[in-house]
Amino acid sequence: MLDQQGQKIEPIIMLYNYAKILNINISIITNREGNEATIEYTRKQLLDNNITGYSYLFLRRPNITNAWSFKLQSRKAIFEK
């Protein structure tokens, strides 16, 4: 939803807004490391960009190094909920 400089990625934001209109549960998966400081920073950055109302926010555990595998496992977890 946001690029490395914290700017909105407009096509993703448009999809996010459309999902909100349709009342679809929104999950955000990011490859950012899920330590306390990063979680707080990420939530603030999302809020500052008016990205709210998501159901889940997945951040990578520090011991996981494979981004592709992490994102795949996160998607599976969403479908299992």
N, C-alpha and C. Protein backbone atom coordinates (compact mmCIF):
# COMPACT_ATOMS: atom_id res chain seq x y z
N MET A 1 0.81 -1.19 0.00
CA MET A 1 0.00 0.00 0.00
C MET A 1 0.86 1.26 0.00
N LEU A 2 2.03 1.12 0.66
CA LEU A 2 2.98 2.23 0.71
C LEU A 2 4.31 1.75 0.15
N ASP A 3 4.99 2.64 -0.56
CA ASP A 3 6.30 2.25 -1.09
C ASP A 3 7.38 2.46 -0.03
N GLN A 4 8.62 2.24 -0.39
CA GLN A 4 9.72 2.34 0.59
C GLN A 4 9.91 3.74 1.13
N GLN A 5 9.42 4.74 0.43
CA GLN A 5 9.50 6.12 0.91
C GLN A 5 8.25 6.53 1.68
N GLY A 6 7.31 5.59 1.87
CA GLY A 6 6.10 5.88 2.61
C GLY A 6 5.02 6.55 1.78
N GLN A 7 5.17 6.56 0.47
CA GLN A 7 4.17 7.15 -0.41
C GLN A 7 3.14 6.09 -0.80
N LYS A 8 1.90 6.52 -0.96
CA LYS A 8 0.84 5.60 -1.34
C LYS A 8 1.08 5.04 -2.74
N ILE A 9 0.80 3.76 -2.90
CA ILE A 9 0.81 3.12 -4.21
C ILE A 9 -0.64 3.16 -4.68
N GLU A 10 -0.94 4.12 -5.55
CA GLU A 10 -2.33 4.45 -5.89
C GLU A 10 -3.19 3.28 -6.36
N PRO A 11 -2.72 2.39 -7.25
CA PRO A 11 -3.60 1.27 -7.65
C PRO A 11 -3.99 0.38 -6.46
N ILE A 12 -3.06 0.20 -5.53
CA ILE A 12 -3.36 -0.61 -4.34
C ILE A 12 -4.32 0.13 -3.42
N ILE A 13 -4.15 1.43 -3.28
CA ILE A 13 -5.06 2.24 -2.47
C ILE A 13 -6.47 2.21 -3.06
N MET A 14 -6.56 2.27 -4.38
CA MET A 14 -7.88 2.20 -5.04
C MET A 14 -8.55 0.86 -4.74
N LEU A 15 -7.79 -0.23 -4.80
CA LEU A 15 -8.34 -1.55 -4.48
C LEU A 15 -8.75 -1.62 -3.01
N TYR A 16 -7.93 -1.09 -2.13
CA TYR A 16 -8.22 -1.03 -0.70
C TYR A 16 -9.53 -0.28 -0.45
N ASN A 17 -9.69 0.89 -1.07
CA ASN A 17 -10.92 1.68 -0.89
C ASN A 17 -12.14 0.95 -1.44
N TYR A 18 -11.97 0.27 -2.56
CA TYR A 18 -13.08 -0.50 -3.13
C TYR A 18 -13.48 -1.64 -2.19
N ALA A 19 -12.49 -2.32 -1.63
CA ALA A 19 -12.77 -3.40 -0.68
C ALA A 19 -13.51 -2.87 0.55
N LYS A 20 -13.15 -1.68 1.01
CA LYS A 20 -13.85 -1.07 2.15
C LYS A 20 -15.30 -0.78 1.80
N ILE A 21 -15.54 -0.27 0.59
CA ILE A 21 -16.92 0.01 0.14
C ILE A 21 -17.74 -1.28 0.15
N LEU A 22 -17.13 -2.37 -0.29
CA LEU A 22 -17.82 -3.66 -0.35
C LEU A 22 -17.87 -4.38 1.00
N ASN A 23 -17.30 -3.74 2.03
CA ASN A 23 -17.28 -4.30 3.39
C ASN A 23 -16.54 -5.64 3.45
N ILE A 24 -15.45 -5.73 2.70
CA ILE A 24 -14.60 -6.92 2.69
C ILE A 24 -13.55 -6.78 3.79
N ASN A 25 -13.31 -7.87 4.52
CA ASN A 25 -12.24 -7.85 5.53
C ASN A 25 -10.90 -7.66 4.83
N ILE A 26 -10.15 -6.71 5.31
CA ILE A 26 -8.87 -6.36 4.70
C ILE A 26 -7.73 -6.85 5.59
N SER A 27 -6.78 -7.52 4.97
CA SER A 27 -5.57 -7.96 5.66
C SER A 27 -4.37 -7.34 4.96
N ILE A 28 -3.42 -6.88 5.74
CA ILE A 28 -2.20 -6.29 5.20
C ILE A 28 -1.04 -7.20 5.58
N ILE A 29 -0.26 -7.59 4.57
CA ILE A 29 0.93 -8.41 4.78
C ILE A 29 2.13 -7.58 4.34
N THR A 30 3.05 -7.39 5.26
CA THR A 30 4.26 -6.63 4.93
C THR A 30 5.49 -7.44 5.31
N ASN A 31 6.54 -7.28 4.57
CA ASN A 31 7.78 -7.98 4.86
C ASN A 31 8.61 -7.27 5.94
N ARG A 32 8.05 -6.26 6.54
CA ARG A 32 8.77 -5.58 7.63
C ARG A 32 8.90 -6.53 8.82
N GLU A 33 10.02 -6.39 9.51
CA GLU A 33 10.26 -7.22 10.69
C GLU A 33 9.29 -6.82 11.80
N GLY A 34 8.70 -7.83 12.43
CA GLY A 34 7.67 -7.58 13.43
C GLY A 34 8.17 -7.36 14.84
N ASN A 35 9.11 -6.44 15.01
CA ASN A 35 9.51 -6.09 16.38
C ASN A 35 8.63 -4.94 16.86
N GLU A 36 8.66 -4.66 18.14
CA GLU A 36 7.75 -3.68 18.73
C GLU A 36 7.85 -2.30 18.07
N ALA A 37 9.06 -1.83 17.82
CA ALA A 37 9.24 -0.51 17.22
C ALA A 37 8.69 -0.46 15.80
N THR A 38 8.93 -1.51 15.03
CA THR A 38 8.46 -1.54 13.65
C THR A 38 6.94 -1.64 13.58
N ILE A 39 6.36 -2.42 14.47
CA ILE A 39 4.90 -2.53 14.52
C ILE A 39 4.29 -1.16 14.80
N GLU A 40 4.81 -0.47 15.80
CA GLU A 40 4.30 0.85 16.15
C GLU A 40 4.48 1.83 14.98
N TYR A 41 5.65 1.82 14.36
CA TYR A 41 5.93 2.71 13.23
C TYR A 41 4.98 2.41 12.06
N THR A 42 4.78 1.13 11.77
CA THR A 42 3.92 0.73 10.66
C THR A 42 2.48 1.16 10.90
N ARG A 43 1.97 0.92 12.10
CA ARG A 43 0.60 1.33 12.42
C ARG A 43 0.44 2.85 12.31
N LYS A 44 1.43 3.59 12.78
CA LYS A 44 1.37 5.05 12.68
C LYS A 44 1.41 5.50 11.22
N GLN A 45 2.28 4.89 10.44
CA GLN A 45 2.40 5.24 9.02
C GLN A 45 1.09 4.96 8.29
N LEU A 46 0.46 3.83 8.57
CA LEU A 46 -0.83 3.51 7.96
C LEU A 46 -1.89 4.53 8.38
N LEU A 47 -1.95 4.83 9.66
CA LEU A 47 -2.92 5.80 10.16
C LEU A 47 -2.68 7.18 9.55
N ASP A 48 -1.44 7.61 9.48
CA ASP A 48 -1.10 8.91 8.89
C ASP A 48 -1.53 9.00 7.42
N ASN A 49 -1.63 7.84 6.76
CA ASN A 49 -2.06 7.81 5.36
C ASN A 49 -3.52 7.41 5.22
N ASN A 50 -4.26 7.50 6.33
CA ASN A 50 -5.69 7.21 6.36
C ASN A 50 -6.00 5.77 5.92
N ILE A 51 -5.11 4.86 6.24
CA ILE A 51 -5.32 3.43 5.97
C ILE A 51 -5.74 2.81 7.29
N THR A 52 -7.04 2.62 7.43
CA THR A 52 -7.61 2.13 8.67
C THR A 52 -8.65 1.05 8.34
N GLY A 53 -9.16 0.42 9.36
CA GLY A 53 -10.24 -0.52 9.16
C GLY A 53 -9.81 -1.89 8.66
N TYR A 54 -8.52 -2.18 8.70
CA TYR A 54 -8.07 -3.51 8.28
C TYR A 54 -8.27 -4.49 9.43
N SER A 55 -8.47 -5.75 9.08
CA SER A 55 -8.73 -6.78 10.10
C SER A 55 -7.45 -7.37 10.66
N TYR A 56 -6.45 -7.54 9.79
CA TYR A 56 -5.19 -8.16 10.21
C TYR A 56 -4.01 -7.41 9.62
N LEU A 57 -2.95 -7.36 10.41
CA LEU A 57 -1.68 -6.80 9.95
C LEU A 57 -0.60 -7.84 10.24
N PHE A 58 -0.02 -8.40 9.19
CA PHE A 58 1.00 -9.42 9.32
C PHE A 58 2.37 -8.80 9.09
N LEU A 59 3.26 -8.95 10.06
CA LEU A 59 4.66 -8.55 9.92
C LEU A 59 5.53 -9.79 10.12
N ARG A 60 6.65 -9.81 9.46
CA ARG A 60 7.55 -10.97 9.47
C ARG A 60 8.25 -11.12 10.81
N ARG A 61 8.31 -12.35 11.31
CA ARG A 61 9.09 -12.63 12.52
C ARG A 61 10.57 -12.43 12.21
N PRO A 62 11.34 -11.96 13.17
CA PRO A 62 12.78 -11.70 12.93
C PRO A 62 13.56 -12.91 12.43
N ASN A 63 13.16 -14.11 12.83
CA ASN A 63 13.91 -15.31 12.45
C ASN A 63 13.55 -15.82 11.05
N ILE A 64 12.58 -15.23 10.40
CA ILE A 64 12.17 -15.65 9.06
C ILE A 64 12.88 -14.75 8.04
N THR A 65 13.59 -15.36 7.12
CA THR A 65 14.36 -14.57 6.15
C THR A 65 13.80 -14.66 4.73
N ASN A 66 12.93 -15.61 4.46
CA ASN A 66 12.39 -15.80 3.13
C ASN A 66 11.07 -15.05 2.99
N ALA A 67 11.08 -13.90 2.32
CA ALA A 67 9.88 -13.06 2.19
C ALA A 67 8.76 -13.79 1.46
N TRP A 68 9.11 -14.51 0.40
CA TRP A 68 8.09 -15.21 -0.38
C TRP A 68 7.36 -16.24 0.47
N SER A 69 8.12 -17.03 1.23
CA SER A 69 7.54 -18.04 2.09
C SER A 69 6.69 -17.40 3.19
N PHE A 70 7.19 -16.33 3.78
CA PHE A 70 6.44 -15.61 4.82
C PHE A 70 5.09 -15.14 4.29
N LYS A 71 5.10 -14.52 3.12
CA LYS A 71 3.85 -14.00 2.57
C LYS A 71 2.89 -15.13 2.21
N LEU A 72 3.40 -16.23 1.69
CA LEU A 72 2.56 -17.38 1.37
C LEU A 72 1.92 -17.94 2.64
N GLN A 73 2.69 -18.11 3.69
CA GLN A 73 2.16 -18.62 4.96
C GLN A 73 1.14 -17.65 5.57
N SER A 74 1.37 -16.36 5.42
CA SER A 74 0.42 -15.37 5.93
C SER A 74 -0.90 -15.45 5.18
N ARG A 75 -0.83 -15.62 3.88
CA ARG A 75 -2.07 -15.76 3.07
C ARG A 75 -2.84 -17.01 3.51
N LYS A 76 -2.13 -18.10 3.74
CA LYS A 76 -2.78 -19.33 4.21
C LYS A 76 -3.47 -19.10 5.55
N ALA A 77 -2.81 -18.37 6.44
CA ALA A 77 -3.38 -18.09 7.76
C ALA A 77 -4.66 -17.27 7.63
N ILE A 78 -4.69 -16.35 6.68
CA ILE A 78 -5.89 -15.54 6.47
C ILE A 78 -7.05 -16.43 6.03
N PHE A 79 -6.79 -17.32 5.09
CA PHE A 79 -7.86 -18.20 4.60
C PHE A 79 -8.36 -19.16 5.67
N GLU A 80 -7.53 -19.48 6.65
CA GLU A 80 -7.91 -20.40 7.70
C GLU A 80 -8.74 -19.72 8.80
N LYS A 81 -8.75 -18.39 8.82
CA LYS A 81 -9.50 -17.66 9.86
C LYS A 81 -10.97 -17.59 9.52
